[in-house]
Protein backbone atom coordinates (compact mmCIF):
# COMPACT_ATOMS: atom_id res chain seq x y z
CA MET A 1 13.93 -18.30 80.91
CA THR A 2 12.39 -15.44 83.32
CA ARG A 3 11.26 -13.33 80.40
CA LEU A 4 8.41 -15.79 79.51
CA PHE A 5 7.33 -16.75 83.63
CA ASP A 6 7.43 -13.03 83.53
CA GLN A 7 4.60 -13.00 80.58
CA MET A 8 2.93 -15.23 82.72
CA GLU A 9 2.87 -12.98 85.86
CA VAL A 10 1.27 -10.53 83.70
CA LEU A 11 -1.13 -12.41 82.45
CA GLY A 12 -2.45 -13.56 85.99
CA ARG A 13 -2.54 -9.75 86.76
CA ILE A 14 -5.11 -9.21 84.05
CA LEU A 15 -6.94 -12.04 84.67
CA LEU A 16 -7.61 -11.23 88.61
CA ASP A 17 -6.52 -7.52 88.96
CA ASP A 18 -7.76 -6.04 85.24
CA ALA A 19 -11.26 -8.26 84.95
CA PRO A 20 -11.29 -8.27 81.57
CA LYS A 21 -14.52 -7.24 79.92
CA THR A 22 -14.59 -8.17 76.44
CA PRO A 23 -17.16 -11.34 76.15
CA GLY A 24 -14.57 -14.28 75.92
CA SER A 25 -11.01 -12.61 76.73
CA GLU A 26 -11.28 -14.51 80.52
CA GLU A 27 -11.00 -17.57 78.46
CA ALA A 28 -8.41 -16.28 76.12
CA ILE A 29 -5.93 -15.45 78.82
CA ARG A 30 -6.52 -18.68 80.47
CA THR A 31 -5.83 -20.59 77.20
CA ALA A 32 -2.66 -18.30 76.56
CA ALA A 33 -1.38 -19.32 79.79
CA ALA A 34 -1.75 -22.62 79.87
CA ALA A 35 0.09 -22.28 76.14
CA ILE A 36 3.13 -20.82 78.01
CA GLN A 37 2.50 -23.22 80.82
CA PHE A 38 2.67 -26.00 77.82
CA VAL A 39 5.56 -24.85 76.39
CA ASP A 40 7.42 -24.93 79.25
CA ALA A 41 6.58 -28.15 80.40
CA THR A 42 7.07 -29.79 77.11
CA GLY A 43 10.65 -28.25 77.27
CA GLN A 44 10.48 -25.80 74.00
CA VAL A 45 11.21 -22.69 76.30
CA ALA A 46 14.40 -22.20 74.31
CA ASP A 47 12.82 -22.26 71.32
CA PHE A 48 9.38 -20.27 71.80
CA GLU A 49 12.33 -17.44 72.72
CA ASP A 50 14.30 -18.08 69.98
CA TYR A 51 11.17 -17.59 67.98
CA VAL A 52 10.11 -14.75 69.37
CA ARG A 53 13.22 -13.32 68.66
CA SER A 54 13.15 -14.33 65.01
CA LEU A 55 10.08 -12.47 65.19
CA GLU A 56 11.70 -9.73 66.66
CA ALA A 57 14.69 -9.14 63.79
CA TYR A 58 11.93 -9.87 60.94
CA ALA A 59 13.39 -12.58 59.94
CA PRO A 60 11.88 -15.02 57.25
CA PRO A 61 8.93 -17.10 58.37
CA LEU A 62 9.51 -20.00 60.60
CA ALA A 63 9.92 -23.39 58.55
CA ILE A 64 10.41 -26.43 60.17
CA ALA A 65 12.21 -28.01 57.61
CA ARG A 66 13.36 -27.81 53.67
CA PHE A 67 12.92 -30.37 50.52
CA ASP A 68 14.52 -29.82 46.99
CA THR A 69 11.48 -31.30 45.47
CA ARG A 70 8.12 -32.00 46.24
CA GLN A 71 8.26 -35.43 46.19
CA ASP A 72 11.03 -35.48 49.03
CA ALA A 73 8.77 -33.47 50.91
CA ASP A 74 5.77 -35.88 50.67
CA ALA A 75 7.81 -38.31 51.21
CA TRP A 76 8.85 -37.55 54.21
CA LEU A 77 4.99 -36.75 55.46
CA MET A 78 4.17 -39.60 54.82
CA ALA A 79 7.33 -41.31 57.06
CA GLN A 80 6.00 -38.93 60.07
CA LYS A 81 4.28 -40.99 62.07
CA ARG A 82 2.82 -38.57 63.96
CA PRO A 83 3.31 -34.62 61.80
CA PRO A 84 2.90 -31.20 62.88
CA SER A 85 -0.67 -30.43 62.62
CA PHE A 86 0.35 -27.59 61.17
CA ALA A 87 3.57 -26.09 59.91
CA SER A 88 5.35 -24.60 57.16
CA ILE A 89 8.19 -26.31 55.33
CA LEU A 90 10.19 -24.84 52.25
CA VAL A 91 10.01 -27.03 49.25
CA ALA A 92 12.85 -25.68 46.30
CA ASP A 93 12.75 -22.46 48.05
CA GLU A 94 8.57 -21.92 48.34
CA TYR A 95 6.71 -22.57 51.56
CA PHE A 96 4.34 -25.40 52.07
CA SER A 97 1.84 -25.77 54.66
CA VAL A 98 1.98 -29.04 56.05
CA PHE A 99 -1.97 -30.24 57.18
CA PHE A 100 -2.66 -33.37 59.45
CA ASN A 101 -5.62 -34.62 60.87
CA PRO A 102 -4.86 -36.78 63.91
CA THR A 103 -8.96 -38.36 63.80
CA SER A 104 -8.71 -39.19 60.21
CA GLY A 105 -4.91 -39.67 60.02
CA TRP A 106 -5.23 -37.63 56.55
CA ARG A 107 -2.26 -35.67 55.91
CA GLY A 108 -1.02 -33.47 53.03
CA LEU A 109 0.62 -30.03 51.53
CA GLY A 110 -0.79 -26.91 50.59
CA ARG A 111 1.25 -24.09 48.61
CA GLN A 112 1.21 -20.89 50.81
CA PRO A 113 1.96 -16.88 49.68
CA ARG A 114 3.80 -16.88 52.54
CA LEU A 115 7.29 -15.54 50.79
CA GLU A 116 5.45 -13.39 48.47
CA PHE A 117 4.08 -11.81 51.06
CA TYR A 118 7.02 -11.33 53.43
CA LEU A 119 9.20 -10.12 50.22
CA GLN A 120 6.80 -7.45 49.11
CA GLU A 121 6.57 -6.44 52.36
CA MET A 122 10.44 -6.44 52.67
CA ALA A 123 10.57 -4.07 49.45
CA ASP A 124 7.54 -1.75 50.10
CA GLU A 125 9.30 -0.91 53.64
CA ARG A 126 12.30 0.05 51.32
CA ARG A 127 15.02 -1.45 53.71
CA GLN A 128 18.02 0.19 53.58
CA PRO A 129 20.61 -1.49 51.96
CA SER A 130 23.50 -2.91 54.00
CA GLY A 131 25.94 -1.49 51.78
CA LEU A 132 26.66 -4.87 50.62
CA SER A 133 27.36 -5.05 46.95
CA PHE A 134 28.32 -8.52 44.87
CA SER A 135 28.49 -8.39 40.82
CA THR A 136 27.26 -11.87 40.61
CA LYS A 137 24.82 -14.37 43.07
CA ALA A 138 27.43 -16.44 42.74
CA GLU A 139 30.04 -14.28 44.82
CA ALA A 140 26.95 -13.03 47.36
CA GLU A 141 26.16 -16.65 48.05
CA ALA A 142 30.16 -17.31 48.81
CA TRP A 143 29.72 -14.43 51.37
CA MET A 144 26.78 -15.74 52.40
CA ASN A 145 28.33 -19.49 53.06
CA GLN A 146 31.67 -17.72 54.61
CA GLN A 147 29.24 -16.23 57.46
CA PRO A 148 29.69 -18.71 60.43
CA THR A 149 26.22 -17.16 61.48
CA PRO A 150 24.78 -14.87 58.68
CA PRO A 151 22.00 -11.97 59.53
CA GLN A 152 18.50 -13.78 59.29
CA GLN A 153 17.68 -10.96 56.90
CA VAL A 154 19.68 -8.28 55.13
CA VAL A 155 19.01 -6.64 52.08
CA ILE A 156 22.07 -6.71 49.71
CA ASP A 157 22.70 -5.50 45.75
CA ILE A 158 23.72 -8.12 43.31
CA ALA A 159 24.63 -6.86 39.76
CA GLY A 160 22.33 -3.82 40.63
CA ALA A 161 19.27 -5.34 41.70
CA PRO A 162 18.28 -5.80 45.39
CA TYR A 163 17.68 -9.03 46.92
CA LEU A 164 17.33 -10.40 50.66
CA ALA A 165 19.98 -12.57 52.06
CA ALA A 166 18.20 -14.78 54.22
CA TYR A 167 19.11 -17.40 56.81
CA HIS A 168 16.39 -19.33 57.93
CA HIS A 169 18.29 -20.22 60.89
CA ARG A 170 16.25 -23.30 62.94
CA ILE A 171 17.00 -25.32 59.65
CA ASP A 172 20.42 -23.69 59.09
CA TYR A 173 19.53 -22.90 55.23
CA ARG A 174 21.08 -20.02 53.74
CA VAL A 175 19.50 -18.38 50.41
CA LEU A 176 18.75 -15.24 48.34
CA TYR A 177 15.74 -14.23 47.34
CA PRO A 178 15.37 -11.38 44.83
CA LEU A 179 13.42 -8.32 46.22
CA PRO A 180 10.52 -7.40 43.96
CA ALA A 181 9.71 -3.87 42.70
CA PRO A 182 7.87 -1.61 45.76
CA THR A 183 3.86 -1.29 45.37
CA PRO A 184 3.25 2.17 44.20
CA PRO A 185 2.10 4.33 46.72
CA SER A 186 -2.21 4.61 46.27
CA ARG A 187 -3.65 7.75 44.35
CA GLU A 188 -5.66 8.11 47.58
CA ALA A 189 -3.34 9.29 49.94
């Protein structure tokens, strides 16, 4: 919790001492400070700090829920009295955005390529394999399910192919994603 309040102090010093000169920066700093105050006032400090830790660990993009089918996700969305205005959910291991307009009451889901971008970035960074190797996907899944708290992301080998063993910690969901081939280097370099 201290860390969050330390950030508030830094924002205050920037605003008072450094007098930002970029147009709109003062309003942006005040908005950031209000966001931090909102996180604190609504009891979300631990969730926020957990979110920051997941960013630092380069965990899979945050999802607030997971559904096996689109129909299940639609039913959940329609049953929400006040759904989030914008959030990500997983539907059959694909990311969808939740949209809600409180003024009109309109709500909907839209597929988003977040997972593809995340996995491609992981492949392009050529993350070091963990040394964990499995003959079959079932063996790898058994390993993941035996972990009390699996790593949020780790590259493993399944039958000679790279996979990302991912743990969506907010929804306690474990999944194996095949990694795509790395993007070839540009000829311009």
